[in-house]
Amino acid sequence: MLESVKIFTSDKYWKQIFTDLGATVVDAKTAADIVFDDVDISAPVSVIDLQNIICDHINNTDIIHRVFGRYVVLPSLQHKIIVMLSKNPNMTMSELKTALGVLPNVATHAVENAVYQLRKVYGRDIIQNIDGKYKVGHV
């Protein structure tokens, strides 16, 4: 779930959790995308909530630059989709909606429309769907 994310934590239990979620656990704060010891988590969290907390604490500008090969300004939802799928490839549309804060029982096509607009502007391969799992492709 957290592929390509480098996390530093001094807690051995969090290290194991992050490893199980696919993150790279690093030994130096300076090599990390996020220093998890600095993140305040006050209650038990689900995997999706944990993923959102981590994504909110990472500088996403580098991700946008890596995906597009340059800095681009995207509408908020499109930006979040690119960042979320870059950090968590192979999410279903339902998982993506949940991660973006869309309630499962709400009838909206905002996420699907944002994916459509990204594909329309940047090409069909920008968001790939393989067997119902979405990931960021290339421009």
N, C-alpha and C. Protein backbone atom coordinates (compact mmCIF):
# COMPACT_ATOMS: atom_id res chain seq x y z
N MET A 1 0.80 -1.21 0.00
CA MET A 1 0.00 0.00 0.00
C MET A 1 0.84 1.27 0.00
N LEU A 2 1.99 1.22 0.62
CA LEU A 2 2.81 2.43 0.74
C LEU A 2 4.12 2.29 -0.03
N GLU A 3 4.06 1.60 -1.16
CA GLU A 3 5.25 1.45 -1.99
C GLU A 3 5.80 2.82 -2.34
N SER A 4 7.08 2.91 -2.42
CA SER A 4 7.82 4.13 -2.79
C SER A 4 7.84 5.19 -1.69
N VAL A 5 7.31 4.90 -0.51
CA VAL A 5 7.35 5.84 0.60
C VAL A 5 8.44 5.39 1.57
N LYS A 6 9.34 6.32 1.92
CA LYS A 6 10.41 6.03 2.87
C LYS A 6 10.04 6.64 4.22
N ILE A 7 9.98 5.80 5.24
CA ILE A 7 9.52 6.22 6.56
C ILE A 7 10.59 5.94 7.60
N PHE A 8 10.79 6.91 8.49
CA PHE A 8 11.66 6.70 9.64
C PHE A 8 10.77 6.63 10.88
N THR A 9 11.00 5.65 11.70
CA THR A 9 10.40 5.57 13.02
C THR A 9 11.36 4.82 13.94
N SER A 10 11.37 5.20 15.18
CA SER A 10 12.23 4.51 16.15
C SER A 10 11.50 3.36 16.83
N ASP A 11 10.20 3.25 16.59
CA ASP A 11 9.38 2.22 17.23
C ASP A 11 9.41 0.93 16.41
N LYS A 12 9.82 -0.16 17.04
CA LYS A 12 9.96 -1.42 16.30
C LYS A 12 8.62 -1.97 15.81
N TYR A 13 7.53 -1.69 16.52
CA TYR A 13 6.22 -2.18 16.09
C TYR A 13 5.74 -1.44 14.84
N TRP A 14 5.92 -0.12 14.83
CA TRP A 14 5.56 0.67 13.65
C TRP A 14 6.44 0.28 12.47
N LYS A 15 7.71 -0.01 12.72
CA LYS A 15 8.60 -0.45 11.64
C LYS A 15 8.02 -1.69 10.96
N GLN A 16 7.56 -2.63 11.75
CA GLN A 16 6.99 -3.86 11.18
C GLN A 16 5.70 -3.57 10.43
N ILE A 17 4.86 -2.72 10.98
CA ILE A 17 3.60 -2.37 10.32
C ILE A 17 3.88 -1.72 8.97
N PHE A 18 4.79 -0.76 8.94
CA PHE A 18 5.10 -0.07 7.69
C PHE A 18 5.74 -1.01 6.67
N THR A 19 6.57 -1.91 7.13
CA THR A 19 7.16 -2.90 6.24
C THR A 19 6.07 -3.78 5.64
N ASP A 20 5.13 -4.21 6.48
CA ASP A 20 4.02 -5.04 6.01
C ASP A 20 3.15 -4.30 4.99
N LEU A 21 3.07 -2.97 5.10
CA LEU A 21 2.27 -2.17 4.17
C LEU A 21 3.05 -1.79 2.92
N GLY A 22 4.29 -2.25 2.83
CA GLY A 22 5.08 -2.03 1.62
C GLY A 22 5.97 -0.82 1.63
N ALA A 23 6.01 -0.08 2.72
CA ALA A 23 6.88 1.11 2.80
C ALA A 23 8.33 0.66 3.01
N THR A 24 9.23 1.55 2.68
CA THR A 24 10.65 1.32 2.97
C THR A 24 10.95 2.03 4.28
N VAL A 25 11.36 1.27 5.27
CA VAL A 25 11.72 1.84 6.57
C VAL A 25 13.20 2.14 6.55
N VAL A 26 13.54 3.41 6.77
CA VAL A 26 14.93 3.84 6.71
C VAL A 26 15.47 4.10 8.12
N ASP A 27 16.80 4.08 8.24
CA ASP A 27 17.44 4.23 9.54
C ASP A 27 17.83 5.66 9.88
N ALA A 28 17.68 6.58 8.94
CA ALA A 28 18.07 7.98 9.18
C ALA A 28 16.91 8.91 8.83
N LYS A 29 16.67 9.86 9.72
CA LYS A 29 15.60 10.83 9.48
C LYS A 29 15.80 11.58 8.17
N THR A 30 17.04 11.88 7.84
CA THR A 30 17.32 12.67 6.65
C THR A 30 17.03 11.91 5.35
N ALA A 31 16.95 10.60 5.41
CA ALA A 31 16.68 9.80 4.22
C ALA A 31 15.19 9.51 4.04
N ALA A 32 14.37 9.99 4.97
CA ALA A 32 12.94 9.65 4.97
C ALA A 32 12.09 10.70 4.28
N ASP A 33 10.98 10.22 3.70
CA ASP A 33 9.94 11.12 3.20
C ASP A 33 9.12 11.65 4.37
N ILE A 34 9.02 10.83 5.41
CA ILE A 34 8.25 11.21 6.59
C ILE A 34 8.93 10.65 7.83
N VAL A 35 8.99 11.47 8.87
CA VAL A 35 9.47 11.03 10.18
C VAL A 35 8.23 10.75 11.00
N PHE A 36 7.90 9.48 11.10
CA PHE A 36 6.64 9.09 11.73
C PHE A 36 6.62 9.42 13.22
N ASP A 37 7.77 9.49 13.85
CA ASP A 37 7.83 9.84 15.27
C ASP A 37 7.27 11.24 15.53
N ASP A 38 7.28 12.09 14.51
CA ASP A 38 6.77 13.46 14.64
C ASP A 38 5.27 13.57 14.36
N VAL A 39 4.65 12.48 13.95
CA VAL A 39 3.22 12.49 13.61
C VAL A 39 2.42 12.17 14.86
N ASP A 40 1.41 12.97 15.13
CA ASP A 40 0.58 12.77 16.31
C ASP A 40 -0.63 11.92 15.96
N ILE A 41 -0.65 10.69 16.46
CA ILE A 41 -1.81 9.82 16.28
C ILE A 41 -2.35 9.54 17.66
N SER A 42 -3.57 10.01 17.90
CA SER A 42 -4.10 9.95 19.26
C SER A 42 -5.07 8.79 19.49
N ALA A 43 -5.50 8.12 18.44
CA ALA A 43 -6.47 7.05 18.62
C ALA A 43 -6.13 5.90 17.67
N PRO A 44 -6.71 4.74 17.90
CA PRO A 44 -6.51 3.65 16.94
C PRO A 44 -6.98 4.11 15.55
N VAL A 45 -6.24 3.71 14.52
CA VAL A 45 -6.57 4.12 13.16
C VAL A 45 -6.65 2.90 12.25
N SER A 46 -7.47 3.03 11.22
CA SER A 46 -7.55 1.97 10.22
C SER A 46 -6.36 2.11 9.28
N VAL A 47 -6.16 1.13 8.43
CA VAL A 47 -5.08 1.18 7.46
C VAL A 47 -5.27 2.37 6.52
N ILE A 48 -6.50 2.59 6.07
CA ILE A 48 -6.79 3.71 5.17
C ILE A 48 -6.52 5.04 5.87
N ASP A 49 -6.93 5.17 7.13
CA ASP A 49 -6.65 6.40 7.88
C ASP A 49 -5.15 6.62 8.04
N LEU A 50 -4.43 5.55 8.34
CA LEU A 50 -2.98 5.64 8.48
C LEU A 50 -2.35 6.07 7.16
N GLN A 51 -2.81 5.50 6.10
CA GLN A 51 -2.32 5.86 4.77
C GLN A 51 -2.58 7.34 4.48
N ASN A 52 -3.75 7.83 4.80
CA ASN A 52 -4.08 9.24 4.59
C ASN A 52 -3.21 10.16 5.44
N ILE A 53 -2.97 9.77 6.69
CA ILE A 53 -2.13 10.57 7.58
C ILE A 53 -0.72 10.68 6.99
N ILE A 54 -0.21 9.58 6.53
CA ILE A 54 1.14 9.58 5.95
C ILE A 54 1.17 10.44 4.69
N CYS A 55 0.18 10.26 3.83
CA CYS A 55 0.15 11.03 2.58
C CYS A 55 0.04 12.53 2.85
N ASP A 56 -0.66 12.90 3.88
CA ASP A 56 -0.80 14.33 4.21
C ASP A 56 0.51 14.93 4.71
N HIS A 57 1.40 14.12 5.21
CA HIS A 57 2.65 14.63 5.79
C HIS A 57 3.84 14.62 4.84
N ILE A 58 3.64 14.13 3.66
CA ILE A 58 4.74 14.05 2.71
C ILE A 58 4.62 15.19 1.70
N ASN A 59 5.75 15.72 1.31
CA ASN A 59 5.76 16.77 0.29
C ASN A 59 5.44 16.14 -1.06
N ASN A 60 4.27 16.47 -1.59
CA ASN A 60 3.79 15.83 -2.80
C ASN A 60 4.30 16.48 -4.08
N THR A 61 4.99 17.59 -3.99
CA THR A 61 5.50 18.27 -5.17
C THR A 61 6.44 17.37 -5.95
N ASP A 62 7.28 16.62 -5.26
CA ASP A 62 8.22 15.73 -5.93
C ASP A 62 7.50 14.63 -6.70
N ILE A 63 6.40 14.17 -6.16
CA ILE A 63 5.62 13.12 -6.84
C ILE A 63 5.04 13.66 -8.14
N ILE A 64 4.46 14.84 -8.09
CA ILE A 64 3.87 15.44 -9.29
C ILE A 64 4.96 15.64 -10.34
N HIS A 65 6.11 16.12 -9.92
CA HIS A 65 7.21 16.34 -10.86
C HIS A 65 7.68 15.01 -11.47
N ARG A 66 7.77 13.98 -10.66
CA ARG A 66 8.21 12.67 -11.15
C ARG A 66 7.20 12.09 -12.15
N VAL A 67 5.91 12.23 -11.88
CA VAL A 67 4.88 11.67 -12.77
C VAL A 67 4.82 12.42 -14.10
N PHE A 68 4.86 13.75 -14.04
CA PHE A 68 4.67 14.55 -15.24
C PHE A 68 5.97 14.99 -15.90
N GLY A 69 7.08 14.81 -15.18
CA GLY A 69 8.36 15.25 -15.73
C GLY A 69 8.57 16.74 -15.63
N ARG A 70 7.68 17.42 -14.99
CA ARG A 70 7.74 18.87 -14.78
C ARG A 70 6.72 19.21 -13.70
N TYR A 71 6.77 20.43 -13.24
CA TYR A 71 5.79 20.87 -12.24
C TYR A 71 4.52 21.29 -12.95
N VAL A 72 3.41 20.73 -12.55
CA VAL A 72 2.11 21.11 -13.10
C VAL A 72 1.18 21.43 -11.95
N VAL A 73 0.24 22.29 -12.21
CA VAL A 73 -0.79 22.62 -11.23
C VAL A 73 -2.06 21.90 -11.64
N LEU A 74 -2.58 21.09 -10.75
CA LEU A 74 -3.79 20.32 -11.01
C LEU A 74 -4.90 20.76 -10.07
N PRO A 75 -6.15 20.57 -10.49
CA PRO A 75 -7.25 20.77 -9.54
C PRO A 75 -7.05 19.83 -8.34
N SER A 76 -7.56 20.22 -7.21
CA SER A 76 -7.31 19.52 -5.95
C SER A 76 -7.57 18.02 -6.02
N LEU A 77 -8.71 17.62 -6.52
CA LEU A 77 -9.04 16.20 -6.54
C LEU A 77 -8.12 15.43 -7.48
N GLN A 78 -7.79 15.99 -8.63
CA GLN A 78 -6.86 15.34 -9.54
C GLN A 78 -5.48 15.19 -8.90
N HIS A 79 -5.05 16.24 -8.21
CA HIS A 79 -3.77 16.20 -7.50
C HIS A 79 -3.77 15.06 -6.48
N LYS A 80 -4.84 14.98 -5.70
CA LYS A 80 -4.93 13.94 -4.67
C LYS A 80 -4.94 12.54 -5.29
N ILE A 81 -5.60 12.38 -6.42
CA ILE A 81 -5.65 11.07 -7.09
C ILE A 81 -4.25 10.66 -7.54
N ILE A 82 -3.54 11.58 -8.18
CA ILE A 82 -2.18 11.27 -8.65
C ILE A 82 -1.29 10.90 -7.47
N VAL A 83 -1.35 11.69 -6.41
CA VAL A 83 -0.51 11.42 -5.23
C VAL A 83 -0.90 10.09 -4.59
N MET A 84 -2.19 9.87 -4.39
CA MET A 84 -2.65 8.65 -3.73
C MET A 84 -2.26 7.41 -4.53
N LEU A 85 -2.48 7.43 -5.84
CA LEU A 85 -2.15 6.26 -6.65
C LEU A 85 -0.65 6.08 -6.85
N SER A 86 0.11 7.17 -6.76
CA SER A 86 1.57 7.05 -6.83
C SER A 86 2.11 6.35 -5.59
N LYS A 87 1.51 6.68 -4.47
CA LYS A 87 1.97 6.10 -3.20
C LYS A 87 1.35 4.74 -2.92
N ASN A 88 0.19 4.51 -3.50
CA ASN A 88 -0.55 3.28 -3.22
C ASN A 88 -1.11 2.69 -4.51
N PRO A 89 -0.25 2.15 -5.34
CA PRO A 89 -0.75 1.60 -6.60
C PRO A 89 -1.64 0.38 -6.34
N ASN A 90 -2.43 0.07 -7.34
CA ASN A 90 -3.30 -1.11 -7.31
C ASN A 90 -4.46 -0.99 -6.32
N MET A 91 -5.03 0.21 -6.25
CA MET A 91 -6.23 0.42 -5.44
C MET A 91 -7.45 0.24 -6.34
N THR A 92 -8.51 -0.32 -5.78
CA THR A 92 -9.77 -0.37 -6.50
C THR A 92 -10.39 1.02 -6.45
N MET A 93 -11.39 1.27 -7.28
CA MET A 93 -12.07 2.56 -7.25
C MET A 93 -12.71 2.79 -5.89
N SER A 94 -13.26 1.75 -5.31
CA SER A 94 -13.87 1.88 -3.98
C SER A 94 -12.84 2.27 -2.93
N GLU A 95 -11.66 1.64 -2.97
CA GLU A 95 -10.59 1.98 -2.02
C GLU A 95 -10.10 3.40 -2.24
N LEU A 96 -9.99 3.79 -3.51
CA LEU A 96 -9.54 5.15 -3.83
C LEU A 96 -10.54 6.18 -3.31
N LYS A 97 -11.82 5.93 -3.54
CA LYS A 97 -12.85 6.86 -3.04
C LYS A 97 -12.79 6.98 -1.52
N THR A 98 -12.67 5.85 -0.85
CA THR A 98 -12.59 5.86 0.61
C THR A 98 -11.37 6.63 1.08
N ALA A 99 -10.23 6.38 0.44
CA ALA A 99 -8.99 7.07 0.81
C ALA A 99 -9.09 8.58 0.58
N LEU A 100 -9.88 8.97 -0.40
CA LEU A 100 -10.05 10.39 -0.70
C LEU A 100 -11.16 11.03 0.14
N GLY A 101 -11.80 10.24 0.99
CA GLY A 101 -12.81 10.78 1.89
C GLY A 101 -14.21 10.76 1.37
N VAL A 102 -14.46 10.05 0.27
CA VAL A 102 -15.82 9.94 -0.27
C VAL A 102 -16.49 8.76 0.43
N LEU A 103 -17.63 9.00 1.03
CA LEU A 103 -18.34 7.94 1.74
C LEU A 103 -18.83 6.89 0.76
N PRO A 104 -18.74 5.61 1.12
CA PRO A 104 -19.09 4.54 0.19
C PRO A 104 -20.55 4.56 -0.28
N ASN A 105 -21.45 5.04 0.54
CA ASN A 105 -22.87 5.01 0.17
C ASN A 105 -23.36 6.30 -0.49
N VAL A 106 -22.44 7.24 -0.78
CA VAL A 106 -22.82 8.50 -1.42
C VAL A 106 -22.76 8.30 -2.93
N ALA A 107 -23.83 8.68 -3.60
CA ALA A 107 -23.89 8.54 -5.06
C ALA A 107 -23.23 9.76 -5.70
N THR A 108 -21.97 9.62 -6.04
CA THR A 108 -21.23 10.68 -6.71
C THR A 108 -20.26 10.05 -7.70
N HIS A 109 -19.98 10.77 -8.74
CA HIS A 109 -19.02 10.30 -9.73
C HIS A 109 -17.85 11.26 -9.83
N ALA A 110 -17.60 12.01 -8.77
CA ALA A 110 -16.55 13.03 -8.78
C ALA A 110 -15.18 12.40 -9.03
N VAL A 111 -14.89 11.28 -8.40
CA VAL A 111 -13.58 10.65 -8.56
C VAL A 111 -13.44 10.10 -9.99
N GLU A 112 -14.47 9.42 -10.47
CA GLU A 112 -14.44 8.90 -11.83
C GLU A 112 -14.28 10.04 -12.84
N ASN A 113 -14.98 11.16 -12.61
CA ASN A 113 -14.87 12.31 -13.50
C ASN A 113 -13.46 12.92 -13.46
N ALA A 114 -12.86 12.97 -12.29
CA ALA A 114 -11.50 13.50 -12.18
C ALA A 114 -10.51 12.61 -12.92
N VAL A 115 -10.69 11.29 -12.83
CA VAL A 115 -9.83 10.36 -13.58
C VAL A 115 -10.04 10.58 -15.08
N TYR A 116 -11.29 10.72 -15.49
CA TYR A 116 -11.60 10.97 -16.90
C TYR A 116 -10.91 12.25 -17.40
N GLN A 117 -10.97 13.32 -16.61
CA GLN A 117 -10.36 14.59 -17.01
C GLN A 117 -8.83 14.46 -17.09
N LEU A 118 -8.22 13.75 -16.15
CA LEU A 118 -6.77 13.51 -16.21
C LEU A 118 -6.41 12.78 -17.50
N ARG A 119 -7.18 11.76 -17.83
CA ARG A 119 -6.92 10.99 -19.05
C ARG A 119 -7.14 11.85 -20.30
N LYS A 120 -8.15 12.68 -20.26
CA LYS A 120 -8.48 13.54 -21.40
C LYS A 120 -7.33 14.52 -21.69
N VAL A 121 -6.77 15.10 -20.65
CA VAL A 121 -5.72 16.10 -20.80
C VAL A 121 -4.34 15.47 -21.01
N TYR A 122 -4.02 14.42 -20.25
CA TYR A 122 -2.66 13.88 -20.25
C TYR A 122 -2.52 12.53 -20.94
N GLY A 123 -3.59 12.01 -21.48
CA GLY A 123 -3.54 10.73 -22.18
C GLY A 123 -4.07 9.59 -21.34
N ARG A 124 -4.54 8.59 -22.02
CA ARG A 124 -5.19 7.46 -21.36
C ARG A 124 -4.26 6.72 -20.39
N ASP A 125 -2.96 6.74 -20.67
CA ASP A 125 -2.02 5.97 -19.84
C ASP A 125 -1.67 6.64 -18.51
N ILE A 126 -2.11 7.86 -18.28
CA ILE A 126 -1.77 8.54 -17.02
C ILE A 126 -2.36 7.79 -15.82
N ILE A 127 -3.58 7.29 -15.96
CA ILE A 127 -4.20 6.47 -14.91
C ILE A 127 -4.55 5.14 -15.57
N GLN A 128 -3.89 4.09 -15.13
CA GLN A 128 -4.13 2.78 -15.72
C GLN A 128 -5.05 1.95 -14.83
N ASN A 129 -5.88 1.15 -15.47
CA ASN A 129 -6.78 0.24 -14.77
C ASN A 129 -6.47 -1.15 -15.26
N ILE A 130 -5.89 -1.95 -14.39
CA ILE A 130 -5.55 -3.32 -14.73
C ILE A 130 -6.30 -4.24 -13.78
N ASP A 131 -7.24 -4.98 -14.35
CA ASP A 131 -8.07 -5.92 -13.57
C ASP A 131 -8.77 -5.22 -12.40
N GLY A 132 -9.27 -4.01 -12.64
CA GLY A 132 -10.02 -3.29 -11.61
C GLY A 132 -9.17 -2.56 -10.60
N LYS A 133 -7.86 -2.60 -10.77
CA LYS A 133 -6.94 -1.91 -9.86
C LYS A 133 -6.31 -0.74 -10.62
N TYR A 134 -6.31 0.42 -9.97
CA TYR A 134 -5.81 1.64 -10.59
C TYR A 134 -4.39 1.95 -10.14
N LYS A 135 -3.62 2.52 -11.05
CA LYS A 135 -2.28 3.00 -10.71
C LYS A 135 -1.90 4.10 -11.67
N VAL A 136 -0.90 4.89 -11.29
CA VAL A 136 -0.41 5.97 -12.15
C VAL A 136 0.50 5.34 -13.20
N GLY A 137 0.27 5.74 -14.43
CA GLY A 137 1.10 5.27 -15.53
C GLY A 137 2.11 6.32 -15.90
N HIS A 138 2.11 6.68 -17.17
CA HIS A 138 3.06 7.68 -17.65
C HIS A 138 2.36 8.66 -18.57
N VAL A 139 2.99 9.82 -18.71
CA VAL A 139 2.45 10.87 -19.57
C VAL A 139 3.00 10.67 -20.96
